[in-house]
Amino acid sequence: MNKEYEYSFKVKDIKDFVQYCILNEYEKKEEYLQTRILYKNGGPVMARITENIYSDYVKKVLNFKDDNLNDKTLKISRETKDLVVNDDNQEFVDSLIEILDLTNKKVLKRNRFVFEKNNVKFEIDEYIEPVMNVVAIEGLQEEVDFVYKELEEIINCNRVD
């Protein structure tokens, strides 16, 4: 099980954050369209089925994560490894969601841009549904704290509450 240390916040526009990544030599790792379905049952954990549509293939995964759907900027949560969903195991995934009494609570559609450098990853999202922009900075605590502090002025000018 992974433990994730992440700053996540809504912003008016993503361009300053993309520019920061480029100017600071972060490598653009991925760009894709993502649809994520969140499932919950009132407990402390949620299930997520995520479909990433790349230019030349589609990847669909199931994972579980601490339910941290709140407006806190800093989120520290547990997350399972991914189970790749395909035609061979779709029936199992559906029955797992059903037996855990998980219900579809939210569908998110977004364009995601992923930049990485050392132990810091930016996930910069332009949401299609619901319409919004979100920036997440995750990785090792000391390095993520440093980057967040370095960007604090830009974040505060661009933040949407």
C-alpha atoms as a PDB file:
ATOM      1  CA  MET A   1       0.000   0.000   0.000  1.00  0.00           C
ATOM      2  CA  ASN A   2       1.252   3.436  -0.908  1.00  0.00           C
ATOM      3  CA  LYS A   3       1.067   6.538   1.237  1.00  0.00           C
ATOM      4  CA  GLU A   4       0.538   9.717  -0.718  1.00  0.00           C
ATOM      5  CA  TYR A   5       1.661  13.213   0.350  1.00  0.00           C
ATOM      6  CA  GLU A   6      -0.059  15.784  -1.833  1.00  0.00           C
ATOM      7  CA  TYR A   7      -0.990  19.441  -2.015  1.00  0.00           C
ATOM      8  CA  SER A   8      -4.107  19.878  -4.136  1.00  0.00           C
ATOM      9  CA  PHE A   9      -5.929  23.115  -4.879  1.00  0.00           C
ATOM     10  CA  LYS A  10      -8.377  24.660  -7.338  1.00  0.00           C
ATOM     11  CA  VAL A  11      -7.048  27.460  -9.544  1.00  0.00           C
ATOM     12  CA  LYS A  12      -8.462  29.962 -12.039  1.00  0.00           C
ATOM     13  CA  ASP A  13      -5.973  29.001 -14.733  1.00  0.00           C
ATOM     14  CA  ILE A  14      -3.324  26.302 -15.126  1.00  0.00           C
ATOM     15  CA  LYS A  15      -0.924  28.212 -17.413  1.00  0.00           C
ATOM     16  CA  ASP A  16       1.295  29.610 -14.592  1.00  0.00           C
ATOM     17  CA  PHE A  17       1.798  26.089 -13.238  1.00  0.00           C
ATOM     18  CA  VAL A  18       2.601  24.581 -16.633  1.00  0.00           C
ATOM     19  CA  GLN A  19       5.037  27.458 -17.191  1.00  0.00           C
ATOM     20  CA  TYR A  20       6.647  26.847 -13.774  1.00  0.00           C
ATOM     21  CA  CYS A  21       7.196  23.190 -14.687  1.00  0.00           C
ATOM     22  CA  ILE A  22       8.747  24.068 -18.046  1.00  0.00           C
ATOM     23  CA  LEU A  23      10.999  26.834 -16.655  1.00  0.00           C
ATOM     24  CA  ASN A  24      12.175  24.575 -13.827  1.00  0.00           C
ATOM     25  CA  GLU A  25      12.993  21.678 -16.154  1.00  0.00           C
ATOM     26  CA  TYR A  26      10.260  19.285 -15.107  1.00  0.00           C
ATOM     27  CA  GLU A  27       9.804  16.556 -17.685  1.00  0.00           C
ATOM     28  CA  LYS A  28       6.369  16.264 -19.236  1.00  0.00           C
ATOM     29  CA  LYS A  29       5.629  12.588 -18.692  1.00  0.00           C
ATOM     30  CA  GLU A  30       2.062  12.254 -19.871  1.00  0.00           C
ATOM     31  CA  GLU A  31      -0.937  14.024 -21.330  1.00  0.00           C
ATOM     32  CA  TYR A  32      -4.281  12.269 -21.584  1.00  0.00           C
ATOM     33  CA  LEU A  33      -8.044  12.467 -21.229  1.00  0.00           C
ATOM     34  CA  GLN A  34      -9.256  10.864 -18.027  1.00  0.00           C
ATOM     35  CA  THR A  35     -12.658   9.701 -16.846  1.00  0.00           C
ATOM     36  CA  ARG A  36     -12.813   8.689 -13.189  1.00  0.00           C
ATOM     37  CA  ILE A  37     -15.826   7.200 -11.419  1.00  0.00           C
ATOM     38  CA  LEU A  38     -15.783   7.504  -7.625  1.00  0.00           C
ATOM     39  CA  TYR A  39     -17.647   4.879  -5.591  1.00  0.00           C
ATOM     40  CA  LYS A  40     -18.479   5.227  -1.892  1.00  0.00           C
ATOM     41  CA  ASN A  41     -20.498   3.459   0.761  1.00  0.00           C
ATOM     42  CA  GLY A  42     -20.249   5.860   3.698  1.00  0.00           C
ATOM     43  CA  GLY A  43     -17.060   4.300   5.051  1.00  0.00           C
ATOM     44  CA  PRO A  44     -13.552   5.776   5.197  1.00  0.00           C
ATOM     45  CA  VAL A  45     -12.413   4.361   1.831  1.00  0.00           C
ATOM     46  CA  MET A  46     -13.574   5.002  -1.718  1.00  0.00           C
ATOM     47  CA  ALA A  47     -13.122   2.955  -4.875  1.00  0.00           C
ATOM     48  CA  ARG A  48     -12.068   4.560  -8.146  1.00  0.00           C
ATOM     49  CA  ILE A  49     -12.341   3.235 -11.666  1.00  0.00           C
ATOM     50  CA  THR A  50     -10.153   5.383 -13.864  1.00  0.00           C
ATOM     51  CA  GLU A  51      -9.929   5.280 -17.640  1.00  0.00           C
ATOM     52  CA  ASN A  52      -7.008   7.108 -19.230  1.00  0.00           C
ATOM     53  CA  ILE A  53      -7.266   7.705 -22.961  1.00  0.00           C
ATOM     54  CA  TYR A  54      -3.845   8.268 -24.534  1.00  0.00           C
ATOM     55  CA  SER A  55      -3.211   9.019 -28.196  1.00  0.00           C
ATOM     56  CA  ASP A  56      -2.487   5.375 -28.996  1.00  0.00           C
ATOM     57  CA  TYR A  57      -4.112   3.262 -26.250  1.00  0.00           C
ATOM     58  CA  VAL A  58      -6.585   3.200 -23.350  1.00  0.00           C
ATOM     59  CA  LYS A  59      -5.812   2.040 -19.810  1.00  0.00           C
ATOM     60  CA  LYS A  60      -8.500   1.327 -17.214  1.00  0.00           C
ATOM     61  CA  VAL A  61      -7.733   0.614 -13.535  1.00  0.00           C
ATOM     62  CA  LEU A  62      -9.488   0.027 -10.229  1.00  0.00           C
ATOM     63  CA  ASN A  63      -7.974   1.169  -6.959  1.00  0.00           C
ATOM     64  CA  PHE A  64      -9.022   2.160  -3.460  1.00  0.00           C
ATOM     65  CA  LYS A  65      -8.049   5.286  -1.551  1.00  0.00           C
ATOM     66  CA  ASP A  66      -8.844   6.972   1.739  1.00  0.00           C
ATOM     67  CA  ASP A  67     -11.931   9.120   1.223  1.00  0.00           C
ATOM     68  CA  ASN A  68     -10.427  12.607   1.287  1.00  0.00           C
ATOM     69  CA  LEU A  69     -12.917  14.492  -0.835  1.00  0.00           C
ATOM     70  CA  ASN A  70     -12.627  17.714   1.096  1.00  0.00           C
ATOM     71  CA  ASP A  71     -11.251  21.175   0.533  1.00  0.00           C
ATOM     72  CA  LYS A  72      -8.049  20.673   2.538  1.00  0.00           C
ATOM     73  CA  THR A  73      -4.989  21.726   0.566  1.00  0.00           C
ATOM     74  CA  LEU A  74      -2.669  19.113   2.104  1.00  0.00           C
ATOM     75  CA  LYS A  75      -3.866  15.538   1.841  1.00  0.00           C
ATOM     76  CA  ILE A  76      -2.031  12.557   3.271  1.00  0.00           C
ATOM     77  CA  SER A  77      -3.760   9.311   2.388  1.00  0.00           C
ATOM     78  CA  ARG A  78      -3.347   5.620   1.787  1.00  0.00           C
ATOM     79  CA  GLU A  79      -3.842   4.222  -1.692  1.00  0.00           C
ATOM     80  CA  THR A  80      -3.830   0.656  -3.016  1.00  0.00           C
ATOM     81  CA  LYS A  81      -1.945  -0.547  -6.026  1.00  0.00           C
ATOM     82  CA  ASP A  82      -3.866  -0.504  -9.306  1.00  0.00           C
ATOM     83  CA  LEU A  83      -5.764  -3.468 -10.715  1.00  0.00           C
ATOM     84  CA  VAL A  84      -5.841  -3.203 -14.506  1.00  0.00           C
ATOM     85  CA  VAL A  85      -9.423  -3.683 -15.682  1.00  0.00           C
ATOM     86  CA  ASN A  86      -9.985  -5.545 -18.924  1.00  0.00           C
ATOM     87  CA  ASP A  87     -12.549  -7.824 -20.591  1.00  0.00           C
ATOM     88  CA  ASP A  88     -11.242 -10.839 -18.641  1.00  0.00           C
ATOM     89  CA  ASN A  89     -11.869  -9.335 -15.188  1.00  0.00           C
ATOM     90  CA  GLN A  90     -14.633  -6.737 -15.740  1.00  0.00           C
ATOM     91  CA  GLU A  91     -17.266  -9.088 -14.287  1.00  0.00           C
ATOM     92  CA  PHE A  92     -15.133  -9.571 -11.146  1.00  0.00           C
ATOM     93  CA  VAL A  93     -14.643  -5.800 -10.765  1.00  0.00           C
ATOM     94  CA  ASP A  94     -18.394  -5.217 -11.105  1.00  0.00           C
ATOM     95  CA  SER A  95     -19.155  -7.904  -8.501  1.00  0.00           C
ATOM     96  CA  LEU A  96     -16.517  -6.456  -6.124  1.00  0.00           C
ATOM     97  CA  ILE A  97     -18.109  -2.995  -6.339  1.00  0.00           C
ATOM     98  CA  GLU A  98     -21.514  -4.596  -5.714  1.00  0.00           C
ATOM     99  CA  ILE A  99     -20.549  -6.801  -2.737  1.00  0.00           C
ATOM    100  CA  LEU A 100     -18.793  -3.885  -1.038  1.00  0.00           C
ATOM    101  CA  ASP A 101     -22.077  -1.960  -1.406  1.00  0.00           C
ATOM    102  CA  LEU A 102     -20.312   0.849  -3.241  1.00  0.00           C
ATOM    103  CA  THR A 103     -22.433   3.284  -5.197  1.00  0.00           C
ATOM    104  CA  ASN A 104     -21.453   5.680  -7.946  1.00  0.00           C
ATOM    105  CA  LYS A 105     -21.073   9.076  -6.256  1.00  0.00           C
ATOM    106  CA  LYS A 106     -19.278  11.182  -8.843  1.00  0.00           C
ATOM    107  CA  VAL A 107     -17.953  11.107 -12.392  1.00  0.00           C
ATOM    108  CA  LEU A 108     -14.985  13.318 -13.250  1.00  0.00           C
ATOM    109  CA  LYS A 109     -13.751  14.068 -16.764  1.00  0.00           C
ATOM    110  CA  ARG A 110     -10.540  15.998 -17.283  1.00  0.00           C
ATOM    111  CA  ASN A 111      -7.496  16.592 -19.403  1.00  0.00           C
ATOM    112  CA  ARG A 112      -4.469  15.746 -17.291  1.00  0.00           C
ATOM    113  CA  PHE A 113      -0.881  16.928 -17.745  1.00  0.00           C
ATOM    114  CA  VAL A 114       1.805  15.176 -15.679  1.00  0.00           C
ATOM    115  CA  PHE A 115       5.226  16.707 -15.060  1.00  0.00           C
ATOM    116  CA  GLU A 116       7.994  15.109 -12.955  1.00  0.00           C
ATOM    117  CA  LYS A 117      11.371  16.076 -11.600  1.00  0.00           C
ATOM    118  CA  ASN A 118      13.291  14.133  -8.962  1.00  0.00           C
ATOM    119  CA  ASN A 119      10.714  13.097  -6.347  1.00  0.00           C
ATOM    120  CA  VAL A 120       8.042  15.671  -7.203  1.00  0.00           C
ATOM    121  CA  LYS A 121       5.121  15.137  -9.548  1.00  0.00           C
ATOM    122  CA  PHE A 122       2.676  17.764 -10.808  1.00  0.00           C
ATOM    123  CA  GLU A 123      -0.759  16.603 -11.940  1.00  0.00           C
ATOM    124  CA  ILE A 124      -2.343  19.590 -13.648  1.00  0.00           C
ATOM    125  CA  ASP A 125      -5.995  19.086 -14.530  1.00  0.00           C
ATOM    126  CA  GLU A 126      -8.368  20.964 -16.809  1.00  0.00           C
ATOM    127  CA  TYR A 127     -11.742  19.545 -15.835  1.00  0.00           C
ATOM    128  CA  ILE A 128     -14.424  19.110 -18.458  1.00  0.00           C
ATOM    129  CA  GLU A 129     -16.989  17.802 -15.975  1.00  0.00           C
ATOM    130  CA  PRO A 130     -17.428  19.533 -13.587  1.00  0.00           C
ATOM    131  CA  VAL A 131     -15.766  22.630 -15.085  1.00  0.00           C
ATOM    132  CA  MET A 132     -12.759  23.685 -12.964  1.00  0.00           C
ATOM    133  CA  ASN A 133      -8.945  23.561 -12.844  1.00  0.00           C
ATOM    134  CA  VAL A 134      -6.957  21.692 -10.196  1.00  0.00           C
ATOM    135  CA  VAL A 135      -3.232  21.473  -9.530  1.00  0.00           C
ATOM    136  CA  ALA A 136      -1.757  18.690  -7.390  1.00  0.00           C
ATOM    137  CA  ILE A 137       1.858  18.519  -6.241  1.00  0.00           C
ATOM    138  CA  GLU A 138       2.831  15.163  -4.778  1.00  0.00           C
ATOM    139  CA  GLY A 139       5.863  13.201  -3.737  1.00  0.00           C
ATOM    140  CA  LEU A 140       8.330  13.173  -0.867  1.00  0.00           C
ATOM    141  CA  GLN A 141       7.286  15.496   1.946  1.00  0.00           C
ATOM    142  CA  GLU A 142      10.377  17.719   2.162  1.00  0.00           C
ATOM    143  CA  GLU A 143      10.592  18.269  -1.588  1.00  0.00           C
ATOM    144  CA  VAL A 144       6.854  18.837  -2.043  1.00  0.00           C
ATOM    145  CA  ASP A 145       6.792  21.297   0.877  1.00  0.00           C
ATOM    146  CA  PHE A 146       9.685  23.201  -0.746  1.00  0.00           C
ATOM    147  CA  VAL A 147       7.946  23.427  -4.136  1.00  0.00           C
ATOM    148  CA  TYR A 148       4.642  24.444  -2.547  1.00  0.00           C
ATOM    149  CA  LYS A 149       6.378  27.209  -0.573  1.00  0.00           C
ATOM    150  CA  GLU A 150       8.181  28.366  -3.726  1.00  0.00           C
ATOM    151  CA  LEU A 151       4.837  28.596  -5.566  1.00  0.00           C
ATOM    152  CA  GLU A 152       2.835  30.041  -2.672  1.00  0.00           C
ATOM    153  CA  GLU A 153       2.506  33.542  -4.141  1.00  0.00           C
ATOM    154  CA  ILE A 154       1.324  32.228  -7.517  1.00  0.00           C
ATOM    155  CA  ILE A 155      -1.054  29.825  -5.762  1.00  0.00           C
ATOM    156  CA  ASN A 156      -2.563  32.541  -3.598  1.00  0.00           C
ATOM    157  CA  CYS A 157      -3.114  34.859  -6.596  1.00  0.00           C
ATOM    158  CA  ASN A 158      -4.646  32.068  -8.673  1.00  0.00           C
ATOM    159  CA  ARG A 159      -6.546  30.056  -6.049  1.00  0.00           C
ATOM    160  CA  VAL A 160     -10.296  29.436  -6.267  1.00  0.00           C
ATOM    161  CA  ASP A 161     -12.061  28.696  -2.980  1.00  0.00           C
END
